[in-house]
Every structure is written in structure tokens, then in C-alpha cells.
Amino acid sequence: MVDSDEFKWISGQEFLTSYVGEHGFGLQFCKKCGSTLCGIYEGVVHGVTLGCLNGDPKIKICRHIYVDSKAAWEVLPDGVITYAEGPPAVD
């Protein structure tokens, strides 16, 4: 999760493009290379795609979702909770 009050793009905003679904959730992409950069909800950044960071984000992976459809070459870390599809709904 990203604190939207503390997040800002420092460069490259002109390359952002967005896809937003009917419920207000979406993704922002780089329109030059197609990389997914972040999740958005009602126009506010709420999560950054870690694969687009240059440095170590110093976080620990806690779960993997949709592992039944992962790439054959992807290696899942030991001790991480996995879900065949999405995580179970929380009431």
C-alpha cells in the first residue's frame, strides 16, 4: 500500500496512461514500453509495481496469488503463503 499523500512521480508523467474499470480500480502504464507502474483507485495511486523500482524496496513477500497460472520458470520463495487463485474473501 502506498500513502497517496506522500507519493509523487519525480519524472516521466508524460508517459503515463491509465486503464480504469467500471468500479474505479485501475492500473497506470508506461505508454512507451507498456510496463505496469502502479494501481490506482478513483485517480489516486494505491500500490506501486515493485518490478519497476531501481532499488531494493526492503519488503518481504508475504503471499503469492494465482499460482496455478504462474509461468513455468517462476520460482516461489519458501515459506510464502500461496493461493491457487485469488485470496479468500474476508467478511
C-alpha atoms as a PDB file:
ATOM      1  CA  MET A   1       0.000   0.000   0.000  1.00  0.00           C
ATOM      2  CA  VAL A   2       1.215   3.498  -0.793  1.00  0.00           C
ATOM      3  CA  ASP A   3       0.402   6.591   1.274  1.00  0.00           C
ATOM      4  CA  SER A   4      -1.021   8.758  -1.504  1.00  0.00           C
ATOM      5  CA  ASP A   5      -0.238  11.931   0.454  1.00  0.00           C
ATOM      6  CA  GLU A   6       3.475  11.047   0.327  1.00  0.00           C
ATOM      7  CA  PHE A   7       3.648   9.651  -3.216  1.00  0.00           C
ATOM      8  CA  LYS A   8       4.629  11.685  -6.258  1.00  0.00           C
ATOM      9  CA  TRP A   9       6.144  10.972  -9.647  1.00  0.00           C
ATOM     10  CA  ILE A  10       9.508  12.713  -9.945  1.00  0.00           C
ATOM     11  CA  SER A  11       9.728  12.388 -13.725  1.00  0.00           C
ATOM     12  CA  GLY A  12       8.060  10.775 -16.718  1.00  0.00           C
ATOM     13  CA  GLN A  13       4.456  11.781 -16.022  1.00  0.00           C
ATOM     14  CA  GLU A  14       4.039  12.490 -19.734  1.00  0.00           C
ATOM     15  CA  PHE A  15       4.480   8.757 -20.388  1.00  0.00           C
ATOM     16  CA  LEU A  16       1.657   7.638 -18.051  1.00  0.00           C
ATOM     17  CA  THR A  17      -1.522   6.142 -19.408  1.00  0.00           C
ATOM     18  CA  SER A  18      -4.303   4.503 -17.414  1.00  0.00           C
ATOM     19  CA  TYR A  19      -6.879   1.762 -17.666  1.00  0.00           C
ATOM     20  CA  VAL A  20      -9.733   2.083 -15.184  1.00  0.00           C
ATOM     21  CA  GLY A  21     -12.571  -0.400 -14.801  1.00  0.00           C
ATOM     22  CA  GLU A  22     -16.197   0.385 -14.026  1.00  0.00           C
ATOM     23  CA  HIS A  23     -15.677   0.287 -10.235  1.00  0.00           C
ATOM     24  CA  GLY A  24     -12.897   2.915 -10.209  1.00  0.00           C
ATOM     25  CA  PHE A  25      -9.975   0.483  -9.823  1.00  0.00           C
ATOM     26  CA  GLY A  26      -7.292   0.519 -12.483  1.00  0.00           C
ATOM     27  CA  LEU A  27      -3.646   0.456 -13.468  1.00  0.00           C
ATOM     28  CA  GLN A  28      -1.223   3.020 -14.797  1.00  0.00           C
ATOM     29  CA  PHE A  29       1.215   2.005 -17.528  1.00  0.00           C
ATOM     30  CA  CYS A  30       4.190   3.471 -19.341  1.00  0.00           C
ATOM     31  CA  LYS A  31       2.930   4.275 -22.836  1.00  0.00           C
ATOM     32  CA  LYS A  32       6.450   3.870 -24.258  1.00  0.00           C
ATOM     33  CA  CYS A  33       7.256   0.356 -23.020  1.00  0.00           C
ATOM     34  CA  GLY A  34       3.927  -0.945 -21.654  1.00  0.00           C
ATOM     35  CA  SER A  35       5.223  -1.683 -18.138  1.00  0.00           C
ATOM     36  CA  THR A  36       2.642  -1.665 -15.355  1.00  0.00           C
ATOM     37  CA  LEU A  37       3.699   1.016 -12.884  1.00  0.00           C
ATOM     38  CA  CYS A  38       1.020   1.236 -10.206  1.00  0.00           C
ATOM     39  CA  GLY A  39      -2.512   0.511  -9.152  1.00  0.00           C
ATOM     40  CA  ILE A  40      -4.983   3.363  -8.917  1.00  0.00           C
ATOM     41  CA  TYR A  41      -8.389   3.822  -7.358  1.00  0.00           C
ATOM     42  CA  GLU A  42     -10.501   6.820  -8.305  1.00  0.00           C
ATOM     43  CA  GLY A  43      -7.382   8.503  -9.719  1.00  0.00           C
ATOM     44  CA  VAL A  44      -5.220   8.017  -6.597  1.00  0.00           C
ATOM     45  CA  VAL A  45      -2.125   5.779  -6.592  1.00  0.00           C
ATOM     46  CA  HIS A  46      -2.563   2.951  -4.061  1.00  0.00           C
ATOM     47  CA  GLY A  47       0.192   0.490  -4.922  1.00  0.00           C
ATOM     48  CA  VAL A  48       3.444   0.571  -6.880  1.00  0.00           C
ATOM     49  CA  THR A  49       4.555  -2.363  -9.038  1.00  0.00           C
ATOM     50  CA  LEU A  50       7.828  -3.414  -7.395  1.00  0.00           C
ATOM     51  CA  GLY A  51       9.317  -4.660 -10.654  1.00  0.00           C
ATOM     52  CA  CYS A  52       9.629  -1.077 -11.849  1.00  0.00           C
ATOM     53  CA  LEU A  53      11.796   0.073  -8.922  1.00  0.00           C
ATOM     54  CA  ASN A  54      15.536   0.526  -9.333  1.00  0.00           C
ATOM     55  CA  GLY A  55      16.487  -0.198  -5.724  1.00  0.00           C
ATOM     56  CA  ASP A  56      15.681  -2.740  -3.022  1.00  0.00           C
ATOM     57  CA  PRO A  57      12.258  -1.830  -1.609  1.00  0.00           C
ATOM     58  CA  LYS A  58      13.178  -3.639   1.656  1.00  0.00           C
ATOM     59  CA  ILE A  59       9.935  -5.569   1.891  1.00  0.00           C
ATOM     60  CA  LYS A  60       9.212  -9.245   2.437  1.00  0.00           C
ATOM     61  CA  ILE A  61       6.851 -11.131   0.130  1.00  0.00           C
ATOM     62  CA  CYS A  62       4.005 -12.470   2.260  1.00  0.00           C
ATOM     63  CA  ARG A  63       1.825 -14.216  -0.326  1.00  0.00           C
ATOM     64  CA  HIS A  64       1.527 -15.197  -3.964  1.00  0.00           C
ATOM     65  CA  ILE A  65      -1.843 -15.260  -5.715  1.00  0.00           C
ATOM     66  CA  TYR A  66      -2.946 -17.111  -8.851  1.00  0.00           C
ATOM     67  CA  VAL A  67      -0.061 -19.584  -8.604  1.00  0.00           C
ATOM     68  CA  ASP A  68      -1.922 -22.186 -10.692  1.00  0.00           C
ATOM     69  CA  SER A  69      -1.366 -19.949 -13.705  1.00  0.00           C
ATOM     70  CA  LYS A  70       2.186 -18.781 -12.952  1.00  0.00           C
ATOM     71  CA  ALA A  71       4.933 -19.076 -15.544  1.00  0.00           C
ATOM     72  CA  ALA A  72       6.719 -22.441 -15.508  1.00  0.00           C
ATOM     73  CA  TRP A  73      10.067 -20.709 -14.881  1.00  0.00           C
ATOM     74  CA  GLU A  74       8.881 -18.694 -11.854  1.00  0.00           C
ATOM     75  CA  VAL A  75      10.328 -19.938  -8.549  1.00  0.00           C
ATOM     76  CA  LEU A  76       8.213 -19.246  -5.483  1.00  0.00           C
ATOM     77  CA  PRO A  77      10.116 -18.453  -2.274  1.00  0.00           C
ATOM     78  CA  ASP A  78       9.945 -20.967   0.572  1.00  0.00           C
ATOM     79  CA  GLY A  79       7.536 -20.184   3.382  1.00  0.00           C
ATOM     80  CA  VAL A  80       5.279 -17.847   1.395  1.00  0.00           C
ATOM     81  CA  ILE A  81       1.520 -18.427   1.544  1.00  0.00           C
ATOM     82  CA  THR A  82       0.171 -19.324  -1.896  1.00  0.00           C
ATOM     83  CA  TYR A  83      -3.308 -19.295  -3.391  1.00  0.00           C
ATOM     84  CA  ALA A  84      -4.309 -21.232  -6.494  1.00  0.00           C
ATOM     85  CA  GLU A  85      -6.422 -18.251  -7.498  1.00  0.00           C
ATOM     86  CA  GLY A  86      -7.157 -15.072  -5.542  1.00  0.00           C
ATOM     87  CA  PRO A  87      -7.066 -14.939  -1.752  1.00  0.00           C
ATOM     88  CA  PRO A  88     -10.221 -15.977   0.093  1.00  0.00           C
ATOM     89  CA  ALA A  89     -12.802 -13.253   0.631  1.00  0.00           C
ATOM     90  CA  VAL A  90     -12.769 -11.591   4.047  1.00  0.00           C
ATOM     91  CA  ASP A  91     -16.119 -10.778   5.611  1.00  0.00           C
END
